[in-house]
Amino acid sequence: MSQRIERRKHPRLKDKDISIRLSGEGVSAITQSLDVSASGVYCKVDRKIPLMTRVRITLSFPSSGKRSGKKDMEIDGVVVREHPVKKDGKIEHYDIAIFFNTLMPRERKTLIEYINSKKG
């Protein structure tokens, strides 16, 4: 029996508390994350978004610590994976993976802290 080797640099967190707004290159969608890491986000959308499409992502996630409410973060990304999810032979939605291609160190740190706070 072979073990699957994790190649990801950053751990993923399954978290539907993160709202996502996508825009750019003919794309406009609002959804929730399926999972998130400090290098990208996986979510579902209602239409196909071609690979390598550049998008502007607004992540809205719960504030950590004593502050309540939401924290918004705007990040540029690129769609690196997409596949249709079918039910009864019909496409129900598309799952897409978006790589954060311009995440600043401060933003990466904020995401890592959020992910670690939820895993703990």
Protein backbone atom coordinates (compact mmCIF):
# COMPACT_ATOMS: atom_id res chain seq x y z
CA MET A 1 0.00 0.00 0.00
CA SER A 2 1.52 3.34 -0.99
CA GLN A 3 1.15 6.51 0.99
CA ARG A 4 0.20 9.74 -0.69
CA ILE A 5 2.93 12.35 -0.35
CA GLU A 6 1.77 15.88 0.42
CA ARG A 7 3.58 18.27 -1.91
CA ARG A 8 1.90 21.46 -0.79
CA LYS A 9 4.06 24.07 0.87
CA HIS A 10 1.23 25.44 3.03
CA PRO A 11 -1.42 23.41 4.89
CA ARG A 12 -5.02 23.68 3.75
CA LEU A 13 -8.01 24.42 5.93
CA LYS A 14 -11.51 23.30 5.04
CA ASP A 15 -13.45 26.42 5.95
CA LYS A 16 -16.82 27.51 4.60
CA ASP A 17 -16.76 30.65 6.81
CA ILE A 18 -14.69 32.48 4.19
CA SER A 19 -16.74 34.42 1.66
CA ILE A 20 -15.18 35.02 -1.74
CA ARG A 21 -15.88 37.61 -4.41
CA LEU A 22 -14.20 37.04 -7.79
CA SER A 23 -13.90 39.64 -10.53
CA GLY A 24 -11.92 40.31 -13.70
CA GLU A 25 -11.54 39.06 -17.29
CA GLY A 26 -15.28 38.53 -17.71
CA VAL A 27 -15.58 36.91 -14.28
CA SER A 28 -18.01 37.96 -11.59
CA ALA A 29 -18.95 35.52 -8.83
CA ILE A 30 -19.71 35.35 -5.13
CA THR A 31 -19.13 32.06 -3.31
CA GLN A 32 -17.60 30.42 -0.21
CA SER A 33 -14.29 28.64 0.12
CA LEU A 34 -14.11 24.87 0.15
CA ASP A 35 -10.58 25.15 1.48
CA VAL A 36 -7.90 27.80 1.77
CA SER A 37 -4.15 27.94 2.30
CA ALA A 38 -1.51 30.65 2.30
CA SER A 39 -0.94 29.95 -1.40
CA GLY A 40 -4.48 29.68 -2.78
CA VAL A 41 -8.15 28.95 -2.42
CA TYR A 42 -10.46 26.19 -3.67
CA CYS A 43 -14.10 27.10 -4.29
CA LYS A 44 -17.12 26.35 -6.42
CA VAL A 45 -18.64 28.61 -9.06
CA ASP A 46 -21.71 28.34 -11.26
CA ARG A 47 -19.92 28.56 -14.62
CA LYS A 48 -16.68 27.44 -16.21
CA ILE A 49 -13.71 29.77 -15.74
CA PRO A 50 -10.88 28.85 -18.12
CA LEU A 51 -7.47 27.87 -16.80
CA MET A 52 -4.96 30.71 -16.45
CA THR A 53 -7.74 33.31 -16.09
CA ARG A 54 -6.54 36.18 -13.92
CA VAL A 55 -8.97 37.12 -11.17
CA ARG A 56 -9.20 39.64 -8.35
CA ILE A 57 -10.21 37.84 -5.15
CA THR A 58 -11.77 39.47 -2.13
CA LEU A 59 -11.58 37.10 0.83
CA SER A 60 -13.81 37.96 3.76
CA PHE A 61 -13.11 35.92 6.86
CA PRO A 62 -13.89 36.19 10.58
CA SER A 63 -11.52 38.41 12.52
CA SER A 64 -9.32 36.57 14.96
CA GLY A 65 -8.64 37.54 18.52
CA LYS A 66 -10.87 39.84 20.53
CA ARG A 67 -12.24 41.74 17.53
CA SER A 68 -15.50 40.47 16.09
CA GLY A 69 -16.71 40.92 12.55
CA LYS A 70 -15.07 40.22 9.22
CA LYS A 71 -11.67 41.00 7.76
CA ASP A 72 -11.39 41.62 4.02
CA MET A 73 -8.30 40.94 1.97
CA GLU A 74 -7.90 41.65 -1.76
CA ILE A 75 -5.55 39.35 -3.66
CA ASP A 76 -4.75 38.76 -7.33
CA GLY A 77 -4.86 35.16 -8.47
CA VAL A 78 -4.85 32.79 -11.40
CA VAL A 79 -7.20 29.85 -11.99
CA VAL A 80 -4.91 26.80 -12.06
CA ARG A 81 -7.44 23.98 -11.90
CA GLU A 82 -11.11 23.59 -12.73
CA HIS A 83 -13.43 20.69 -13.15
CA PRO A 84 -17.16 20.26 -13.55
CA VAL A 85 -19.12 18.55 -10.79
CA LYS A 86 -21.90 16.47 -12.30
CA LYS A 87 -25.10 15.14 -10.80
CA ASP A 88 -27.40 12.89 -12.79
CA GLY A 89 -25.29 13.53 -15.88
CA LYS A 90 -25.69 17.33 -15.72
CA ILE A 91 -23.10 19.87 -14.62
CA GLU A 92 -24.15 21.20 -11.22
CA HIS A 93 -21.21 23.58 -10.68
CA TYR A 94 -17.46 23.91 -11.22
CA ASP A 95 -14.79 23.47 -8.56
CA ILE A 96 -11.84 25.77 -9.19
CA ALA A 97 -8.44 26.23 -7.60
CA ILE A 98 -6.96 29.72 -7.59
CA PHE A 99 -3.27 30.35 -6.94
CA PHE A 100 -2.48 33.63 -5.15
CA ASN A 101 0.16 35.11 -7.44
CA THR A 102 0.70 38.47 -5.71
CA LEU A 103 0.25 37.72 -2.02
CA MET A 104 2.35 40.09 0.06
CA PRO A 105 4.27 38.71 3.09
CA ARG A 106 1.98 40.58 5.53
CA GLU A 107 -1.11 39.09 3.85
CA ARG A 108 0.42 35.59 3.83
CA LYS A 109 1.16 35.97 7.56
CA THR A 110 -2.46 37.01 8.22
CA LEU A 111 -3.77 33.97 6.35
CA ILE A 112 -1.36 31.61 8.13
CA GLU A 113 -2.40 33.01 11.52
CA TYR A 114 -6.09 32.59 10.64
CA ILE A 115 -5.56 29.00 9.43
CA ASN A 116 -3.52 28.12 12.52
CA SER A 117 -6.16 29.63 14.84
CA LYS A 118 -8.83 27.40 13.27
CA LYS A 119 -6.73 24.22 13.37
CA GLY A 120 -5.74 24.58 17.00
